[in-house]
Amino acid sequence: MARRLIDQYRPGQVVEIHFAADPAGHWRPGRVARLDFPGVWVETEDGRQWFVTNQRHIRPRPLPKDYAV
């Protein structure tokens, strides 16, 4: 059974979102602003917020290759 988005992401988490209508298939960086069943609100770098309900349109943002812990 697939996990719900509200169980997978937390406010403040860095993510990327994808718009189905974007023919180029770009992933946009953002941050989870808040949880709102059944999805999450994501704020993109331009300050706009998007409601995401489909797991195919959101993913954790990978850390840069030169990221040091």
PDB file of N, CA and C in Angstrom:
ATOM      1  N   MET A   1       0.836  -1.178   0.000  1.00  0.00           N
ATOM      2  CA  MET A   1       0.000   0.000   0.000  1.00  0.00           C
ATOM      3  C   MET A   1       0.883   1.244   0.000  1.00  0.00           C
ATOM      4  N   ALA A   2       0.550   2.204  -0.822  1.00  0.00           N
ATOM      5  CA  ALA A   2       1.332   3.436  -0.928  1.00  0.00           C
ATOM      6  C   ALA A   2       1.146   4.299   0.318  1.00  0.00           C
ATOM      7  N   ARG A   3       2.233   4.909   0.748  1.00  0.00           N
ATOM      8  CA  ARG A   3       2.167   5.805   1.895  1.00  0.00           C
ATOM      9  C   ARG A   3       1.612   7.154   1.454  1.00  0.00           C
ATOM     10  N   ARG A   4       0.887   7.790   2.324  1.00  0.00           N
ATOM     11  CA  ARG A   4       0.331   9.121   2.044  1.00  0.00           C
ATOM     12  C   ARG A   4       1.443  10.162   2.070  1.00  0.00           C
ATOM     13  N   LEU A   5       1.260  11.219   1.293  1.00  0.00           N
ATOM     14  CA  LEU A   5       2.249  12.290   1.266  1.00  0.00           C
ATOM     15  C   LEU A   5       2.443  12.906   2.643  1.00  0.00           C
ATOM     16  N   ILE A   6       1.357  13.023   3.413  1.00  0.00           N
ATOM     17  CA  ILE A   6       1.481  13.635   4.737  1.00  0.00           C
ATOM     18  C   ILE A   6       2.283  12.758   5.692  1.00  0.00           C
ATOM     19  N   ASP A   7       2.471  11.483   5.340  1.00  0.00           N
ATOM     20  CA  ASP A   7       3.292  10.583   6.145  1.00  0.00           C
ATOM     21  C   ASP A   7       4.739  10.557   5.656  1.00  0.00           C
ATOM     22  N   GLN A   8       4.993  11.023   4.448  1.00  0.00           N
ATOM     23  CA  GLN A   8       6.326  10.961   3.857  1.00  0.00           C
ATOM     24  C   GLN A   8       7.117  12.257   3.999  1.00  0.00           C
ATOM     25  N   TYR A   9       6.421  13.386   4.102  1.00  0.00           N
ATOM     26  CA  TYR A   9       7.097  14.682   4.097  1.00  0.00           C
ATOM     27  C   TYR A   9       6.750  15.460   5.353  1.00  0.00           C
ATOM     28  N   ARG A  10       7.638  16.360   5.724  1.00  0.00           N
ATOM     29  CA  ARG A  10       7.463  17.201   6.905  1.00  0.00           C
ATOM     30  C   ARG A  10       7.637  18.663   6.516  1.00  0.00           C
ATOM     31  N   PRO A  11       6.953  19.575   7.219  1.00  0.00           N
ATOM     32  CA  PRO A  11       7.148  20.997   6.949  1.00  0.00           C
ATOM     33  C   PRO A  11       8.627  21.379   7.058  1.00  0.00           C
ATOM     34  N   GLY A  12       9.079  22.168   6.091  1.00  0.00           N
ATOM     35  CA  GLY A  12      10.472  22.581   6.050  1.00  0.00           C
ATOM     36  C   GLY A  12      11.359  21.686   5.211  1.00  0.00           C
ATOM     37  N   GLN A  13      10.878  20.500   4.858  1.00  0.00           N
ATOM     38  CA  GLN A  13      11.687  19.568   4.071  1.00  0.00           C
ATOM     39  C   GLN A  13      11.895  20.111   2.657  1.00  0.00           C
ATOM     40  N   VAL A  14      13.114  19.976   2.163  1.00  0.00           N
ATOM     41  CA  VAL A  14      13.459  20.430   0.821  1.00  0.00           C
ATOM     42  C   VAL A  14      13.036  19.353  -0.175  1.00  0.00           C
ATOM     43  N   VAL A  15      12.279  19.770  -1.202  1.00  0.00           N
ATOM     44  CA  VAL A  15      11.738  18.835  -2.187  1.00  0.00           C
ATOM     45  C   VAL A  15      11.848  19.435  -3.585  1.00  0.00           C
ATOM     46  N   GLU A  16      11.430  18.659  -4.558  1.00  0.00           N
ATOM     47  CA  GLU A  16      11.262  19.127  -5.926  1.00  0.00           C
ATOM     48  C   GLU A  16       9.866  18.716  -6.367  1.00  0.00           C
ATOM     49  N   ILE A  17       9.214  19.600  -7.155  1.00  0.00           N
ATOM     50  CA  ILE A  17       7.900  19.266  -7.681  1.00  0.00           C
ATOM     51  C   ILE A  17       7.911  19.380  -9.195  1.00  0.00           C
ATOM     52  N   HIS A  18       7.007  18.641  -9.790  1.00  0.00           N
ATOM     53  CA  HIS A  18       6.904  18.570 -11.254  1.00  0.00           C
ATOM     54  C   HIS A  18       5.458  18.852 -11.632  1.00  0.00           C
ATOM     55  N   PHE A  19       5.266  19.649 -12.677  1.00  0.00           N
ATOM     56  CA  PHE A  19       3.927  19.942 -13.170  1.00  0.00           C
ATOM     57  C   PHE A  19       3.651  19.089 -14.392  1.00  0.00           C
ATOM     58  N   ALA A  20       2.544  18.384 -14.376  1.00  0.00           N
ATOM     59  CA  ALA A  20       2.191  17.510 -15.498  1.00  0.00           C
ATOM     60  C   ALA A  20       2.072  18.285 -16.800  1.00  0.00           C
ATOM     61  N   ALA A  21       1.677  19.549 -16.733  1.00  0.00           N
ATOM     62  CA  ALA A  21       1.491  20.358 -17.937  1.00  0.00           C
ATOM     63  C   ALA A  21       2.804  20.918 -18.482  1.00  0.00           C
ATOM     64  N   ASP A  22       3.906  20.695 -17.795  1.00  0.00           N
ATOM     65  CA  ASP A  22       5.208  21.196 -18.254  1.00  0.00           C
ATOM     66  C   ASP A  22       5.771  20.223 -19.283  1.00  0.00           C
ATOM     67  N   PRO A  23       5.748  20.590 -20.567  1.00  0.00           N
ATOM     68  CA  PRO A  23       6.204  19.656 -21.599  1.00  0.00           C
ATOM     69  C   PRO A  23       7.698  19.338 -21.509  1.00  0.00           C
ATOM     70  N   ALA A  24       8.473  20.220 -20.902  1.00  0.00           N
ATOM     71  CA  ALA A  24       9.913  19.984 -20.775  1.00  0.00           C
ATOM     72  C   ALA A  24      10.233  19.038 -19.622  1.00  0.00           C
ATOM     73  N   GLY A  25       9.286  18.843 -18.732  1.00  0.00           N
ATOM     74  CA  GLY A  25       9.481  17.909 -17.625  1.00  0.00           C
ATOM     75  C   GLY A  25      10.430  18.401 -16.554  1.00  0.00           C
ATOM     76  N   HIS A  26      10.517  19.709 -16.347  1.00  0.00           N
ATOM     77  CA  HIS A  26      11.423  20.266 -15.337  1.00  0.00           C
ATOM     78  C   HIS A  26      10.914  19.998 -13.918  1.00  0.00           C
ATOM     79  N   TRP A  27      11.844  19.740 -13.032  1.00  0.00           N
ATOM     80  CA  TRP A  27      11.547  19.628 -11.609  1.00  0.00           C
ATOM     81  C   TRP A  27      11.931  20.952 -10.967  1.00  0.00           C
ATOM     82  N   ARG A  28      11.021  21.536 -10.180  1.00  0.00           N
ATOM     83  CA  ARG A  28      11.263  22.827  -9.551  1.00  0.00           C
ATOM     84  C   ARG A  28      11.577  22.644  -8.074  1.00  0.00           C
ATOM     85  N   PRO A  29      12.639  23.285  -7.587  1.00  0.00           N
ATOM     86  CA  PRO A  29      12.968  23.166  -6.165  1.00  0.00           C
ATOM     87  C   PRO A  29      11.959  23.909  -5.304  1.00  0.00           C
ATOM     88  N   GLY A  30      11.741  23.380  -4.124  1.00  0.00           N
ATOM     89  CA  GLY A  30      10.832  24.013  -3.181  1.00  0.00           C
ATOM     90  C   GLY A  30      11.005  23.449  -1.788  1.00  0.00           C
ATOM     91  N   ARG A  31      10.114  23.864  -0.910  1.00  0.00           N
ATOM     92  CA  ARG A  31      10.156  23.426   0.481  1.00  0.00           C
ATOM     93  C   ARG A  31       8.716  23.168   0.923  1.00  0.00           C
ATOM     94  N   VAL A  32       8.503  22.095   1.661  1.00  0.00           N
ATOM     95  CA  VAL A  32       7.167  21.794   2.151  1.00  0.00           C
ATOM     96  C   VAL A  32       6.762  22.900   3.131  1.00  0.00           C
ATOM     97  N   ALA A  33       5.672  23.586   2.818  1.00  0.00           N
ATOM     98  CA  ALA A  33       5.195  24.677   3.659  1.00  0.00           C
ATOM     99  C   ALA A  33       4.300  24.157   4.783  1.00  0.00           C
ATOM    100  N   ARG A  34       3.413  23.214   4.424  1.00  0.00           N
ATOM    101  CA  ARG A  34       2.524  22.641   5.439  1.00  0.00           C
ATOM    102  C   ARG A  34       1.847  21.382   4.898  1.00  0.00           C
ATOM    103  N   LEU A  35       1.340  20.592   5.821  1.00  0.00           N
ATOM    104  CA  LEU A  35       0.605  19.382   5.479  1.00  0.00           C
ATOM    105  C   LEU A  35      -0.875  19.719   5.458  1.00  0.00           C
ATOM    106  N   ASP A  36      -1.596  19.142   4.520  1.00  0.00           N
ATOM    107  CA  ASP A  36      -3.028  19.394   4.404  1.00  0.00           C
ATOM    108  C   ASP A  36      -3.643  18.173   3.719  1.00  0.00           C
ATOM    109  N   PHE A  37      -4.186  17.259   4.514  1.00  0.00           N
ATOM    110  CA  PHE A  37      -4.706  16.008   3.968  1.00  0.00           C
ATOM    111  C   PHE A  37      -5.563  16.283   2.744  1.00  0.00           C
ATOM    112  N   PRO A  38      -5.349  15.585   1.646  1.00  0.00           N
ATOM    113  CA  PRO A  38      -4.534  14.386   1.461  1.00  0.00           C
ATOM    114  C   PRO A  38      -3.140  14.666   0.907  1.00  0.00           C
ATOM    115  N   GLY A  39      -2.749  15.936   0.832  1.00  0.00           N
ATOM    116  CA  GLY A  39      -1.466  16.264   0.218  1.00  0.00           C
ATOM    117  C   GLY A  39      -0.632  17.210   1.060  1.00  0.00           C
ATOM    118  N   VAL A  40       0.266  17.910   0.373  1.00  0.00           N
ATOM    119  CA  VAL A  40       1.147  18.873   1.025  1.00  0.00           C
ATOM    120  C   VAL A  40       1.195  20.154   0.196  1.00  0.00           C
ATOM    121  N   TRP A  41       1.407  21.269   0.862  1.00  0.00           N
ATOM    122  CA  TRP A  41       1.625  22.540   0.194  1.00  0.00           C
ATOM    123  C   TRP A  41       3.130  22.746   0.080  1.00  0.00           C
ATOM    124  N   VAL A  42       3.583  23.056  -1.136  1.00  0.00           N
ATOM    125  CA  VAL A  42       5.003  23.273  -1.388  1.00  0.00           C
ATOM    126  C   VAL A  42       5.198  24.707  -1.856  1.00  0.00           C
ATOM    127  N   GLU A  43       6.145  25.404  -1.236  1.00  0.00           N
ATOM    128  CA  GLU A  43       6.495  26.758  -1.655  1.00  0.00           C
ATOM    129  C   GLU A  43       7.727  26.686  -2.544  1.00  0.00           C
ATOM    130  N   THR A  44       7.602  27.189  -3.772  1.00  0.00           N
ATOM    131  CA  THR A  44       8.721  27.182  -4.706  1.00  0.00           C
ATOM    132  C   THR A  44       9.580  28.420  -4.492  1.00  0.00           C
ATOM    133  N   GLU A  45      10.722  28.461  -5.161  1.00  0.00           N
ATOM    134  CA  GLU A  45      11.681  29.542  -4.960  1.00  0.00           C
ATOM    135  C   GLU A  45      11.108  30.918  -5.295  1.00  0.00           C
ATOM    136  N   ASP A  46      10.083  30.969  -6.131  1.00  0.00           N
ATOM    137  CA  ASP A  46       9.483  32.262  -6.484  1.00  0.00           C
ATOM    138  C   ASP A  46       8.434  32.716  -5.468  1.00  0.00           C
ATOM    139  N   GLY A  47       8.255  31.959  -4.382  1.00  0.00           N
ATOM    140  CA  GLY A  47       7.343  32.333  -3.311  1.00  0.00           C
ATOM    141  C   GLY A  47       5.919  31.848  -3.494  1.00  0.00           C
ATOM    142  N   ARG A  48       5.628  31.212  -4.616  1.00  0.00           N
ATOM    143  CA  ARG A  48       4.275  30.701  -4.835  1.00  0.00           C
ATOM    144  C   ARG A  48       4.116  29.348  -4.148  1.00  0.00           C
ATOM    145  N   GLN A  49       2.885  29.035  -3.749  1.00  0.00           N
ATOM    146  CA  GLN A  49       2.611  27.760  -3.092  1.00  0.00           C
ATOM    147  C   GLN A  49       1.722  26.908  -3.977  1.00  0.00           C
ATOM    148  N   TRP A  50       2.029  25.614  -3.983  1.00  0.00           N
ATOM    149  CA  TRP A  50       1.334  24.647  -4.820  1.00  0.00           C
ATOM    150  C   TRP A  50       0.880  23.483  -3.956  1.00  0.00           C
ATOM    151  N   PHE A  51      -0.352  23.023  -4.200  1.00  0.00           N
ATOM    152  CA  PHE A  51      -0.885  21.876  -3.466  1.00  0.00           C
ATOM    153  C   PHE A  51      -0.591  20.616  -4.270  1.00  0.00           C
ATOM    154  N   VAL A  52       0.139  19.694  -3.682  1.00  0.00           N
ATOM    155  CA  VAL A  52       0.561  18.476  -4.360  1.00  0.00           C
ATOM    156  C   VAL A  52      -0.132  17.283  -3.698  1.00  0.00           C
ATOM    157  N   THR A  53      -0.791  16.463  -4.518  1.00  0.00           N
ATOM    158  CA  THR A  53      -1.497  15.294  -3.988  1.00  0.00           C
ATOM    159  C   THR A  53      -1.038  13.991  -4.631  1.00  0.00           C
ATOM    160  N   ASN A  54      -0.177  14.082  -5.620  1.00  0.00           N
ATOM    161  CA  ASN A  54       0.219  12.898  -6.375  1.00  0.00           C
ATOM    162  C   ASN A  54       1.705  12.621  -6.154  1.00  0.00           C
ATOM    163  N   GLN A  55       2.034  11.422  -5.723  1.00  0.00           N
ATOM    164  CA  GLN A  55       3.431  11.066  -5.425  1.00  0.00           C
ATOM    165  C   GLN A  55       4.346  11.157  -6.641  1.00  0.00           C
ATOM    166  N   ARG A  56       3.784  11.071  -7.825  1.00  0.00           N
ATOM    167  CA  ARG A  56       4.614  11.160  -9.035  1.00  0.00           C
ATOM    168  C   ARG A  56       5.096  12.577  -9.305  1.00  0.00           C
ATOM    169  N   HIS A  57       4.524  13.563  -8.582  1.00  0.00           N
ATOM    170  CA  HIS A  57       4.854  14.959  -8.843  1.00  0.00           C
ATOM    171  C   HIS A  57       5.676  15.607  -7.737  1.00  0.00           C
ATOM    172  N   ILE A  58       6.163  14.817  -6.803  1.00  0.00           N
ATOM    173  CA  ILE A  58       6.995  15.350  -5.727  1.00  0.00           C
ATOM    174  C   ILE A  58       8.066  14.321  -5.389  1.00  0.00           C
ATOM    175  N   ARG A  59       9.230  14.822  -5.033  1.00  0.00           N
ATOM    176  CA  ARG A  59      10.312  13.934  -4.591  1.00  0.00           C
ATOM    177  C   ARG A  59      11.252  14.717  -3.679  1.00  0.00           C
ATOM    178  N   PRO A  60      11.945  14.012  -2.776  1.00  0.00           N
ATOM    179  CA  PRO A  60      12.936  14.693  -1.950  1.00  0.00           C
ATOM    180  C   PRO A  60      14.016  15.278  -2.854  1.00  0.00           C
ATOM    181  N   ARG A  61      14.496  16.436  -2.505  1.00  0.00           N
ATOM    182  CA  ARG A  61      15.550  17.061  -3.301  1.00  0.00           C
ATOM    183  C   ARG A  61      16.888  16.442  -2.926  1.00  0.00           C
ATOM    184  N   PRO A  62      17.609  15.935  -3.915  1.00  0.00           N
ATOM    185  CA  PRO A  62      18.909  15.307  -3.607  1.00  0.00           C
ATOM    186  C   PRO A  62      19.919  16.351  -3.133  1.00  0.00           C
ATOM    187  N   LEU A  63      20.789  15.931  -2.249  1.00  0.00           N
ATOM    188  CA  LEU A  63      21.868  16.813  -1.790  1.00  0.00           C
ATOM    189  C   LEU A  63      22.914  16.963  -2.894  1.00  0.00           C
ATOM    190  N   PRO A  64      23.565  18.123  -2.949  1.00  0.00           N
ATOM    191  CA  PRO A  64      24.631  18.293  -3.943  1.00  0.00           C
ATOM    192  C   PRO A  64      25.741  17.267  -3.734  1.00  0.00           C
ATOM    193  N   LYS A  65      26.409  16.895  -4.806  1.00  0.00           N
ATOM    194  CA  LYS A  65      27.461  15.881  -4.729  1.00  0.00           C
ATOM    195  C   LYS A  65      28.613  16.310  -3.830  1.00  0.00           C
ATOM    196  N   ASP A  66      28.849  17.614  -3.720  1.00  0.00           N
ATOM    197  CA  ASP A  66      29.955  18.104  -2.900  1.00  0.00           C
ATOM    198  C   ASP A  66      29.526  18.435  -1.477  1.00  0.00           C
ATOM    199  N   TYR A  67      28.323  18.001  -1.078  1.00  0.00           N
ATOM    200  CA  TYR A  67      27.806  18.262   0.263  1.00  0.00           C
ATOM    201  C   TYR A  67      28.597  17.437   1.279  1.00  0.00           C
ATOM    202  N   ALA A  68      29.066  18.107   2.316  1.00  0.00           N
ATOM    203  CA  ALA A  68      29.826  17.414   3.363  1.00  0.00           C
ATOM    204  C   ALA A  68      29.029  17.467   4.668  1.00  0.00           C
ATOM    205  N   VAL A  69      28.978  16.343   5.341  1.00  0.00           N
ATOM    206  CA  VAL A  69      28.257  16.270   6.620  1.00  0.00           C
ATOM    207  C   VAL A  69      29.196  16.620   7.747  1.00  0.00           C
TER     208      VAL A  69
END
